[in-house]
Protein backbone atom coordinates (compact mmCIF):
# COMPACT_ATOMS: atom_id res chain seq x y z
CA MET A 1 -19.06 9.57 -8.05
CA LEU A 2 -15.39 9.90 -7.22
CA GLU A 3 -13.06 8.02 -9.57
CA LEU A 4 -9.66 6.70 -8.50
CA TYR A 5 -7.09 6.07 -11.21
CA GLN A 6 -4.89 3.51 -9.58
CA PHE A 7 -2.69 0.43 -9.54
CA GLU A 8 -4.20 -2.22 -7.28
CA LEU A 9 -0.94 -3.21 -5.57
CA SER A 10 0.43 0.33 -5.23
CA GLN A 11 0.99 1.29 -1.59
CA PHE A 12 -0.04 4.86 -2.38
CA SER A 13 -3.22 3.81 -4.16
CA GLU A 14 -4.00 1.69 -1.10
CA LYS A 15 -3.40 4.73 1.11
CA VAL A 16 -6.07 6.65 -0.80
CA ARG A 17 -8.49 3.70 -0.78
CA LEU A 18 -8.12 3.41 2.99
CA ILE A 19 -8.77 7.13 3.41
CA LEU A 20 -11.84 7.00 1.14
CA ASP A 21 -13.24 4.06 3.09
CA TYR A 22 -12.57 5.82 6.40
CA LYS A 23 -14.50 8.86 5.21
CA GLY A 24 -17.29 6.67 3.89
CA LEU A 25 -17.01 8.06 0.36
CA GLU A 26 -18.26 6.01 -2.58
CA TYR A 27 -15.75 5.71 -5.39
CA LYS A 28 -15.02 3.83 -8.57
CA LYS A 29 -11.62 2.28 -9.16
CA ILE A 30 -10.12 2.69 -12.64
CA GLU A 31 -7.16 0.38 -13.17
CA VAL A 32 -4.61 2.11 -15.39
CA THR A 33 -2.88 -0.02 -18.01
CA PRO A 34 0.74 0.51 -19.07
CA GLY A 35 1.52 2.62 -22.10
CA ILE A 36 -1.77 3.94 -23.42
CA GLY A 37 -3.28 4.16 -19.95
CA GLN A 38 -0.33 6.14 -18.66
CA LEU A 39 -0.64 8.57 -21.56
CA GLU A 40 -4.30 9.04 -20.69
CA VAL A 41 -3.44 9.75 -17.05
CA PHE A 42 -0.84 12.28 -18.24
CA LYS A 43 -3.44 14.05 -20.38
CA LEU A 44 -5.80 14.25 -17.43
CA SER A 45 -3.41 15.19 -14.63
CA GLY A 46 -0.12 16.35 -16.19
CA GLN A 47 1.88 13.36 -14.90
CA ARG A 48 1.93 9.57 -15.35
CA GLN A 49 2.03 8.26 -11.81
CA VAL A 50 -0.86 6.95 -9.76
CA PRO A 51 -2.95 7.54 -7.74
CA VAL A 52 -5.03 10.27 -9.37
CA LEU A 53 -8.47 11.17 -8.01
CA LYS A 54 -11.23 12.61 -10.20
CA ASP A 55 -13.99 14.58 -8.48
CA GLY A 56 -16.31 16.01 -11.09
CA ASP A 57 -14.09 18.08 -13.38
CA ILE A 58 -11.23 18.21 -10.86
CA PHE A 59 -8.20 15.91 -11.06
CA ILE A 60 -5.86 15.59 -8.07
CA ALA A 61 -2.55 13.73 -8.32
CA ASP A 62 -0.34 12.45 -5.47
CA SER A 63 -1.68 10.65 -2.41
CA THR A 64 -0.87 13.50 -0.01
CA GLU A 65 -2.55 16.12 -2.20
CA ILE A 66 -5.55 13.82 -2.52
CA ALA A 67 -5.76 13.50 1.27
CA LEU A 68 -5.58 17.28 1.72
CA TYR A 69 -8.25 17.78 -0.94
CA LEU A 70 -10.58 15.23 0.62
CA ASP A 71 -10.19 16.80 4.05
CA SER A 72 -11.09 20.20 2.60
CA LYS A 73 -13.97 19.07 0.35
CA TYR A 74 -15.36 16.40 2.67
CA PRO A 75 -14.49 17.62 6.20
CA GLU A 76 -16.55 15.05 8.09
CA LYS A 77 -14.20 12.61 9.86
CA PRO A 78 -11.10 14.83 9.42
CA LEU A 79 -7.71 13.32 8.66
CA ILE A 80 -5.48 16.09 9.98
CA PRO A 81 -5.71 17.79 13.40
CA ALA A 82 -6.79 21.41 13.08
CA GLU A 83 -3.86 23.05 14.83
CA GLY A 84 -1.01 22.84 17.31
CA ILE A 85 1.57 20.17 17.96
CA SER A 86 -0.73 17.36 16.85
CA ARG A 87 -1.13 18.87 13.39
CA GLY A 88 2.62 19.28 13.00
CA GLN A 89 3.31 15.75 14.21
CA CYS A 90 0.71 14.32 11.84
CA LEU A 91 2.08 16.10 8.76
CA LEU A 92 5.67 15.29 9.68
CA MET A 93 4.99 11.58 10.22
CA GLU A 94 2.97 11.33 7.02
CA GLU A 95 5.83 12.85 5.01
CA TRP A 96 8.36 10.56 6.70
CA ALA A 97 6.26 7.50 5.94
CA ASP A 98 5.83 8.46 2.29
CA ASP A 99 9.50 9.24 1.70
CA SER A 100 11.22 6.70 3.95
CA LEU A 101 8.98 3.88 5.14
CA GLY A 102 7.40 3.39 1.72
CA LEU A 103 10.70 3.21 -0.16
CA LYS A 104 12.33 0.86 2.34
CA GLY A 105 9.26 -1.35 2.24
CA ARG A 106 9.40 -1.66 -1.56
CA LYS A 107 13.13 -2.38 -1.51
CA ALA A 108 12.75 -4.99 1.20
CA PHE A 109 9.78 -6.60 -0.57
CA MET A 110 11.59 -6.87 -3.89
CA GLY A 111 14.74 -7.98 -2.10
CA ALA A 112 12.78 -10.75 -0.37
CA LEU A 113 11.39 -11.90 -3.73
CA ASN A 114 14.98 -11.96 -4.94
CA HIS A 115 16.57 -13.75 -2.01
CA TYR A 116 13.82 -16.12 -0.75
CA PRO A 117 12.54 -18.57 -3.42
CA ASN A 118 9.73 -19.83 -1.15
CA PHE A 119 8.53 -16.26 -0.60
CA ARG A 120 8.62 -15.74 -4.37
CA THR A 121 6.51 -18.80 -5.18
CA SER A 122 4.00 -18.07 -2.40
CA PHE A 123 2.54 -15.30 -4.56
CA LEU A 124 1.72 -17.62 -7.44
CA PRO A 125 -1.94 -18.65 -7.89
CA LYS A 126 -2.90 -21.90 -6.17
CA ASN A 127 -3.53 -23.67 -9.49
CA THR A 128 -0.03 -22.92 -10.82
CA PRO A 129 1.55 -26.11 -12.22
CA ASP A 130 4.37 -27.53 -10.10
CA ILE A 131 6.81 -27.35 -12.99
CA PHE A 132 6.26 -23.59 -13.26
CA LYS A 133 6.63 -23.17 -9.49
CA THR A 134 9.95 -24.99 -9.72
CA PHE A 135 11.05 -22.69 -12.55
CA VAL A 136 10.09 -19.54 -10.63
CA SER A 137 11.80 -20.81 -7.48
CA ALA A 138 15.01 -21.45 -9.41
CA PHE A 139 14.84 -18.16 -11.34
CA PRO A 140 18.30 -16.54 -11.16
CA SER A 141 18.54 -13.64 -8.70
CA GLU A 142 20.47 -11.64 -11.27
CA ILE A 143 17.34 -11.46 -13.43
CA PHE A 144 15.39 -9.90 -10.57
CA ASN A 145 18.23 -7.43 -10.13
CA ALA A 146 17.69 -6.34 -13.71
CA ILE A 147 13.89 -6.10 -13.79
CA GLY A 148 12.85 -5.29 -10.23
CA MET A 149 10.78 -2.07 -10.18
CA GLY A 150 13.75 0.10 -11.11
CA LEU A 151 15.53 -0.84 -7.88
CA THR A 152 18.93 -2.40 -7.43
CA LEU A 153 18.22 -5.60 -5.54
CA GLY A 154 21.72 -6.60 -4.53
CA ASN A 155 22.23 -8.15 -1.12
CA ASP A 156 23.62 -4.92 0.38
CA ILE A 157 20.60 -2.86 -0.71
CA PHE A 158 18.19 -5.48 0.62
CA LYS A 159 19.97 -5.79 3.96
CA THR A 160 20.13 -2.01 4.39
CA ALA A 161 16.40 -1.67 3.69
CA GLU A 162 15.62 -4.58 6.00
CA LYS A 163 17.70 -3.07 8.80
CA GLY A 164 16.02 0.30 8.40
CA LEU A 165 12.56 -1.27 8.42
CA LYS A 166 13.28 -3.08 11.65
CA LYS A 167 14.28 0.20 13.30
CA ASP A 168 11.14 1.88 12.00
CA LEU A 169 8.85 -0.92 13.19
CA GLU A 170 10.52 -0.92 16.59
CA ALA A 171 9.90 2.83 16.90
CA LEU A 172 6.29 2.54 15.76
CA THR A 173 5.68 -0.31 18.20
CA LEU A 174 7.06 1.77 21.07
CA ILE A 175 4.84 4.74 20.19
CA LEU A 176 1.73 2.55 20.10
CA GLN A 177 2.42 0.95 23.48
CA SER A 178 0.89 3.87 25.35
CA GLN A 179 -1.69 5.29 22.95
CA PRO A 180 -4.29 3.91 20.52
CA TYR A 181 -3.06 5.89 17.50
CA LEU A 182 0.19 7.44 16.36
CA ILE A 183 -0.98 11.00 17.09
CA GLY A 184 -3.13 10.82 20.19
CA ASP A 185 -6.54 9.21 20.68
CA LYS A 186 -8.04 9.55 17.18
CA PRO A 187 -6.94 8.16 13.80
CA THR A 188 -5.21 10.65 11.51
CA LEU A 189 -3.55 10.79 8.12
CA ALA A 190 -0.36 9.55 9.80
CA ASP A 191 -2.09 6.32 10.87
CA PHE A 192 -3.62 5.61 7.47
CA THR A 193 -0.35 6.34 5.68
CA VAL A 194 1.73 4.08 7.91
CA ALA A 195 -0.92 1.34 7.76
CA ALA A 196 -1.20 1.35 3.97
CA LEU A 197 2.54 1.55 3.32
CA THR A 198 3.22 -1.48 5.51
CA THR A 199 0.82 -3.80 3.69
CA ILE A 200 3.55 -5.19 1.44
CA ILE A 201 5.75 -5.83 4.49
CA LYS A 202 2.99 -8.04 5.88
CA PHE A 203 -0.37 -8.25 4.16
CA PRO A 204 -3.44 -8.09 6.43
CA PRO A 205 -5.17 -11.42 7.14
CA VAL A 206 -8.28 -10.32 5.21
CA ALA A 207 -8.56 -9.74 1.45
CA TYR A 208 -8.34 -6.02 0.73
CA PHE A 209 -6.62 -6.24 -2.67
CA ASP A 210 -8.66 -7.08 -5.75
CA LEU A 211 -6.14 -9.48 -7.30
CA PRO A 212 -6.29 -13.15 -8.38
CA LEU A 213 -3.72 -13.96 -5.69
CA ASP A 214 -3.98 -15.09 -2.09
CA LEU A 215 -1.92 -12.40 -0.35
CA GLU A 216 -3.55 -12.59 3.06
CA GLY A 217 -1.10 -12.88 5.94
CA LYS A 218 1.99 -13.22 3.77
CA GLY A 219 5.01 -11.10 4.55
CA ILE A 220 8.75 -10.57 4.34
CA PRO A 221 10.64 -13.37 6.14
CA GLY A 222 12.46 -12.17 9.22
CA ILE A 223 10.20 -9.14 9.62
CA ALA A 224 6.57 -10.23 9.23
CA ASP A 225 7.18 -13.25 11.47
CA ASN A 226 9.24 -11.39 14.09
CA SER A 227 7.36 -11.42 17.40
CA ALA A 228 8.89 -8.05 18.37
CA TYR A 229 6.72 -6.33 15.73
CA GLU A 230 3.55 -8.32 16.37
CA PRO A 231 1.97 -5.49 18.44
CA PHE A 232 2.40 -3.11 15.51
CA PHE A 233 0.83 -5.46 12.96
CA THR A 234 -1.99 -6.25 15.39
CA TRP A 235 -2.65 -2.51 15.63
CA ARG A 236 -2.46 -2.12 11.84
CA ASP A 237 -4.84 -5.00 11.23
CA ARG A 238 -7.31 -3.61 13.79
CA LEU A 239 -7.24 -0.26 11.99
CA TYR A 240 -8.03 -2.07 8.74
CA ALA A 241 -10.82 -4.09 10.34
CA GLU A 242 -12.45 -0.89 11.63
CA TYR A 243 -12.17 1.30 8.54
CA ARG A 244 -11.23 -0.59 5.35
CA GLN A 245 -13.84 -2.39 3.23
CA PRO A 246 -12.80 -5.99 2.35
CA VAL A 247 -12.85 -7.22 -1.24
CA ASP A 248 -15.38 -9.82 -2.30
CA LYS A 249 -13.20 -12.22 -4.28
CA SER A 250 -16.20 -14.24 -5.40
CA SER A 251 -16.64 -11.69 -8.20
CA SER A 252 -14.21 -9.35 -9.90
CA SER A 253 -14.49 -5.85 -8.51
CA ASN A 254 -13.89 -2.39 -9.88
CA PHE A 255 -15.89 -0.57 -7.19
CA ASN A 256 -15.38 -0.27 -3.48
CA ASP A 257 -18.72 -2.03 -2.94
CA GLY A 258 -17.94 -5.15 -4.97
CA SER A 259 -19.51 -4.24 -8.33
CA GLY A 260 -17.79 -3.86 -11.68
CA ASP A 261 -15.83 -6.16 -13.99
CA SER A 262 -12.37 -4.77 -14.70
CA GLN A 263 -9.24 -6.81 -13.96
CA PRO A 264 -6.22 -5.15 -12.31
CA THR A 265 -3.10 -4.61 -14.37
CA SER A 266 0.15 -2.72 -13.73
CA ILE A 267 1.57 0.80 -14.00
CA GLU A 268 4.30 2.95 -12.50
CA ILE A 269 3.76 3.52 -8.80
CA GLU A 270 4.28 6.74 -6.90
C-alpha cells in the first residue's frame, strides 16, 4: 500500500490526497511529528518537508514530483495532458499555483487569524471554555507576528496577500465561466492543485480534514464571503464532491477509508 508522510492541514499534503483519491489509489496516511519525526523523514527522503510518498522501496518528496510519479506509475486517469498547448498550460498553471497562490493563501490565512479575533476563535473546538475563547480573542497581534509560520504578519503583508488573492480568484472565476475545468473539458493537475491550495482560503462545506476541529465552510473574511468569487468556490466544492473522499469524524482516521487510530500533529509544510 502507498504511504503518505504528511501534515493534515498542509495544503500540499491535501493536494496529494486529492490526487490519490482522484486516481482511486488506496493509501495510508502517516502523520509526521515535529523533531524526531522530521529527522525520520530526512533519513528516508533526504529532506524534512512534507509531503513524502512511499511506494514500496521508493520515496518521492515534493507534491509536484509525487504527481508526476503517480501519473507515470499509475497512468489510468491521467493528471497531465499528453502533449501540445494543454500540457504546457497545465504545467505552467500548476507551478504558478504552487509558488504564488499557495504562499499568498498562507499569508492571508495567518493574517486573518492575526487581524480578526472572531475568525481566530472560530477554529477552537466547540467545547472550549468561554474564558479561554476570550483569552484567545484578546491575544495580542504582536504575538502572532512573532510565531506565525515563519511569516511576517504585519498589516501591510496581510493586505498585499489579500489583494493578490482577490486578483487571482477573479482570474480563476473568469476562466471557469466558459469551461468546466481550468484546462479544457477534463480535470488535470492544474485543477487539483488550485482546488487543494484554496482550502485554507475557504474550507469546503464537507469534512475532508481529519482534525478535531469543525473547519467546514469557514474562510477568510472579505474573501470567502465575497459573492464575486462564489462561482469559483462552487466549482472547487463540486470538484471535491466528485473526487475527494470525505473523512468520517465519528472515528479517528489514519487511512483514506476511515480506518486507523493516529491523531494528526504538526510539522513544517512545503
